[in-house]
Amino acid sequence: MDYEPARRAGLPESKIAALPRWPDAPEFRPVERACLAFAEAFVLDVHSIDDDLAAAVTEHLSPAEMVAFTEA
């Protein structure tokens, strides 16, 4: 995988190395786990996003942040 965009964005090497195990990796905060789960579902099958998955993200992000995150 190409992690160069992550490096340019300032993601530490420890987190880059932990990306394959993000659901359990201690390097990720709850907000990051929620966003990664949402992003993975969005890419793999947007119809798999349910209320619980969205709520896990909106627990950490404002409505405007959620819109910006989803658009990104």
N, C-alpha and C. Protein backbone atom coordinates (compact mmCIF):
# COMPACT_ATOMS: atom_id res chain seq x y z
N MET A 1 0.84 -1.18 0.00
CA MET A 1 0.00 0.00 0.00
C MET A 1 0.88 1.24 0.00
N ASP A 2 0.33 2.31 -0.51
CA ASP A 2 1.06 3.57 -0.57
C ASP A 2 0.63 4.44 0.60
N TYR A 3 1.50 4.57 1.57
CA TYR A 3 1.20 5.37 2.75
C TYR A 3 1.79 6.78 2.66
N GLU A 4 2.32 7.14 1.52
CA GLU A 4 2.95 8.46 1.38
C GLU A 4 1.98 9.60 1.70
N PRO A 5 0.71 9.55 1.24
CA PRO A 5 -0.20 10.64 1.63
C PRO A 5 -0.37 10.74 3.15
N ALA A 6 -0.35 9.61 3.84
CA ALA A 6 -0.45 9.63 5.30
C ALA A 6 0.78 10.27 5.91
N ARG A 7 1.94 9.96 5.36
CA ARG A 7 3.17 10.57 5.86
C ARG A 7 3.15 12.09 5.64
N ARG A 8 2.76 12.50 4.46
CA ARG A 8 2.70 13.94 4.15
C ARG A 8 1.71 14.67 5.06
N ALA A 9 0.65 13.96 5.45
CA ALA A 9 -0.34 14.57 6.34
C ALA A 9 0.12 14.59 7.79
N GLY A 10 1.28 13.95 8.07
CA GLY A 10 1.83 13.99 9.41
C GLY A 10 1.49 12.80 10.28
N LEU A 11 0.93 11.74 9.71
CA LEU A 11 0.63 10.55 10.50
C LEU A 11 1.94 9.91 10.93
N PRO A 12 2.11 9.67 12.21
CA PRO A 12 3.36 9.07 12.70
C PRO A 12 3.55 7.65 12.14
N GLU A 13 4.79 7.27 11.99
CA GLU A 13 5.11 5.93 11.47
C GLU A 13 4.49 4.83 12.32
N SER A 14 4.37 5.05 13.62
CA SER A 14 3.78 4.03 14.49
C SER A 14 2.33 3.76 14.12
N LYS A 15 1.60 4.81 13.76
CA LYS A 15 0.20 4.64 13.35
C LYS A 15 0.12 4.04 11.95
N ILE A 16 1.00 4.43 11.08
CA ILE A 16 1.02 3.85 9.74
C ILE A 16 1.25 2.34 9.84
N ALA A 17 2.20 1.94 10.68
CA ALA A 17 2.48 0.52 10.86
C ALA A 17 1.29 -0.21 11.48
N ALA A 18 0.49 0.49 12.29
CA ALA A 18 -0.64 -0.13 12.98
C ALA A 18 -1.92 -0.15 12.14
N LEU A 19 -1.94 0.50 11.00
CA LEU A 19 -3.17 0.57 10.20
C LEU A 19 -3.78 -0.79 9.86
N PRO A 20 -2.99 -1.81 9.53
CA PRO A 20 -3.63 -3.10 9.22
C PRO A 20 -4.39 -3.71 10.39
N ARG A 21 -4.07 -3.29 11.61
CA ARG A 21 -4.75 -3.83 12.79
C ARG A 21 -5.48 -2.73 13.57
N TRP A 22 -5.98 -1.73 12.84
CA TRP A 22 -6.60 -0.56 13.48
C TRP A 22 -7.72 -0.88 14.45
N PRO A 23 -8.54 -1.92 14.24
CA PRO A 23 -9.63 -2.13 15.21
C PRO A 23 -9.15 -2.40 16.63
N ASP A 24 -7.96 -2.99 16.76
CA ASP A 24 -7.46 -3.35 18.08
C ASP A 24 -6.18 -2.64 18.49
N ALA A 25 -5.60 -1.89 17.58
CA ALA A 25 -4.31 -1.26 17.85
C ALA A 25 -4.47 -0.13 18.88
N PRO A 26 -3.65 -0.15 19.93
CA PRO A 26 -3.76 0.88 20.96
C PRO A 26 -3.34 2.27 20.48
N GLU A 27 -2.72 2.34 19.32
CA GLU A 27 -2.28 3.64 18.79
C GLU A 27 -3.45 4.54 18.39
N PHE A 28 -4.63 3.95 18.22
CA PHE A 28 -5.77 4.72 17.73
C PHE A 28 -6.75 5.05 18.85
N ARG A 29 -7.18 6.31 18.85
CA ARG A 29 -8.16 6.79 19.82
C ARG A 29 -9.57 6.34 19.38
N PRO A 30 -10.55 6.39 20.26
CA PRO A 30 -11.91 6.00 19.90
C PRO A 30 -12.47 6.75 18.70
N VAL A 31 -12.20 8.03 18.60
CA VAL A 31 -12.70 8.80 17.45
C VAL A 31 -12.06 8.29 16.15
N GLU A 32 -10.80 7.94 16.21
CA GLU A 32 -10.13 7.42 15.01
C GLU A 32 -10.68 6.06 14.62
N ARG A 33 -10.93 5.21 15.62
CA ARG A 33 -11.51 3.90 15.33
C ARG A 33 -12.89 4.04 14.69
N ALA A 34 -13.70 4.94 15.24
CA ALA A 34 -15.05 5.16 14.69
C ALA A 34 -14.97 5.66 13.25
N CYS A 35 -14.07 6.59 13.00
CA CYS A 35 -13.93 7.14 11.65
C CYS A 35 -13.37 6.10 10.68
N LEU A 36 -12.43 5.29 11.13
CA LEU A 36 -11.89 4.25 10.27
C LEU A 36 -12.95 3.20 9.94
N ALA A 37 -13.76 2.81 10.91
CA ALA A 37 -14.83 1.85 10.66
C ALA A 37 -15.84 2.41 9.66
N PHE A 38 -16.20 3.67 9.84
CA PHE A 38 -17.14 4.32 8.93
C PHE A 38 -16.55 4.41 7.53
N ALA A 39 -15.30 4.84 7.43
CA ALA A 39 -14.65 4.97 6.12
C ALA A 39 -14.54 3.62 5.42
N GLU A 40 -14.18 2.59 6.16
CA GLU A 40 -14.07 1.26 5.56
C GLU A 40 -15.42 0.80 5.02
N ALA A 41 -16.47 0.98 5.82
CA ALA A 41 -17.81 0.60 5.37
C ALA A 41 -18.24 1.44 4.16
N PHE A 42 -17.94 2.71 4.18
CA PHE A 42 -18.31 3.61 3.09
C PHE A 42 -17.68 3.15 1.78
N VAL A 43 -16.42 2.74 1.84
CA VAL A 43 -15.70 2.31 0.64
C VAL A 43 -16.14 0.93 0.18
N LEU A 44 -16.31 0.00 1.11
CA LEU A 44 -16.62 -1.38 0.75
C LEU A 44 -18.08 -1.58 0.36
N ASP A 45 -18.99 -0.97 1.12
CA ASP A 45 -20.43 -1.11 0.85
C ASP A 45 -21.17 -0.01 1.59
N VAL A 46 -21.41 1.08 0.91
CA VAL A 46 -22.04 2.24 1.55
C VAL A 46 -23.37 1.87 2.20
N HIS A 47 -24.05 0.86 1.67
CA HIS A 47 -25.33 0.45 2.22
C HIS A 47 -25.18 -0.30 3.55
N SER A 48 -23.96 -0.63 3.92
CA SER A 48 -23.74 -1.31 5.19
C SER A 48 -23.66 -0.33 6.36
N ILE A 49 -23.64 0.95 6.07
CA ILE A 49 -23.59 1.95 7.14
C ILE A 49 -24.97 2.03 7.78
N ASP A 50 -25.01 1.69 9.05
CA ASP A 50 -26.27 1.75 9.78
C ASP A 50 -26.23 2.88 10.81
N ASP A 51 -27.31 3.02 11.54
CA ASP A 51 -27.40 4.09 12.53
C ASP A 51 -26.33 3.98 13.60
N ASP A 52 -26.01 2.75 14.02
CA ASP A 52 -25.00 2.57 15.07
C ASP A 52 -23.62 3.01 14.60
N LEU A 53 -23.28 2.68 13.36
CA LEU A 53 -21.98 3.06 12.81
C LEU A 53 -21.88 4.58 12.69
N ALA A 54 -22.94 5.21 12.20
CA ALA A 54 -22.95 6.67 12.09
C ALA A 54 -22.93 7.33 13.46
N ALA A 55 -23.66 6.77 14.40
CA ALA A 55 -23.71 7.35 15.75
C ALA A 55 -22.35 7.28 16.43
N ALA A 56 -21.59 6.22 16.16
CA ALA A 56 -20.25 6.10 16.75
C ALA A 56 -19.36 7.26 16.31
N VAL A 57 -19.57 7.74 15.09
CA VAL A 57 -18.78 8.87 14.59
C VAL A 57 -19.34 10.19 15.11
N THR A 58 -20.67 10.36 15.05
CA THR A 58 -21.26 11.63 15.48
C THR A 58 -21.13 11.85 16.98
N GLU A 59 -20.77 10.80 17.71
CA GLU A 59 -20.47 10.95 19.13
C GLU A 59 -19.23 11.83 19.31
N HIS A 60 -18.36 11.85 18.31
CA HIS A 60 -17.09 12.58 18.39
C HIS A 60 -17.03 13.81 17.48
N LEU A 61 -17.83 13.82 16.43
CA LEU A 61 -17.77 14.92 15.45
C LEU A 61 -19.07 15.72 15.46
N SER A 62 -18.93 17.00 15.22
CA SER A 62 -20.12 17.85 15.09
C SER A 62 -20.80 17.53 13.76
N PRO A 63 -22.03 17.98 13.57
CA PRO A 63 -22.69 17.75 12.27
C PRO A 63 -21.86 18.28 11.09
N ALA A 64 -21.30 19.45 11.24
CA ALA A 64 -20.49 20.02 10.14
C ALA A 64 -19.24 19.18 9.90
N GLU A 65 -18.61 18.71 10.97
CA GLU A 65 -17.43 17.86 10.83
C GLU A 65 -17.79 16.53 10.18
N MET A 66 -18.96 15.99 10.52
CA MET A 66 -19.42 14.74 9.93
C MET A 66 -19.63 14.89 8.43
N VAL A 67 -20.21 16.00 8.02
CA VAL A 67 -20.42 16.26 6.59
C VAL A 67 -19.07 16.37 5.89
N ALA A 68 -18.16 17.12 6.45
CA ALA A 68 -16.84 17.29 5.83
C ALA A 68 -16.10 15.95 5.76
N PHE A 69 -16.19 15.15 6.81
CA PHE A 69 -15.56 13.84 6.84
C PHE A 69 -16.15 12.93 5.76
N THR A 70 -17.45 12.90 5.66
CA THR A 70 -18.12 12.05 4.67
C THR A 70 -17.80 12.51 3.25
N GLU A 71 -17.76 13.80 3.03
CA GLU A 71 -17.42 14.32 1.70
C GLU A 71 -15.98 14.02 1.32
N ALA A 72 -15.12 13.99 2.33
CA ALA A 72 -13.70 13.71 2.04
C ALA A 72 -13.54 12.29 1.58
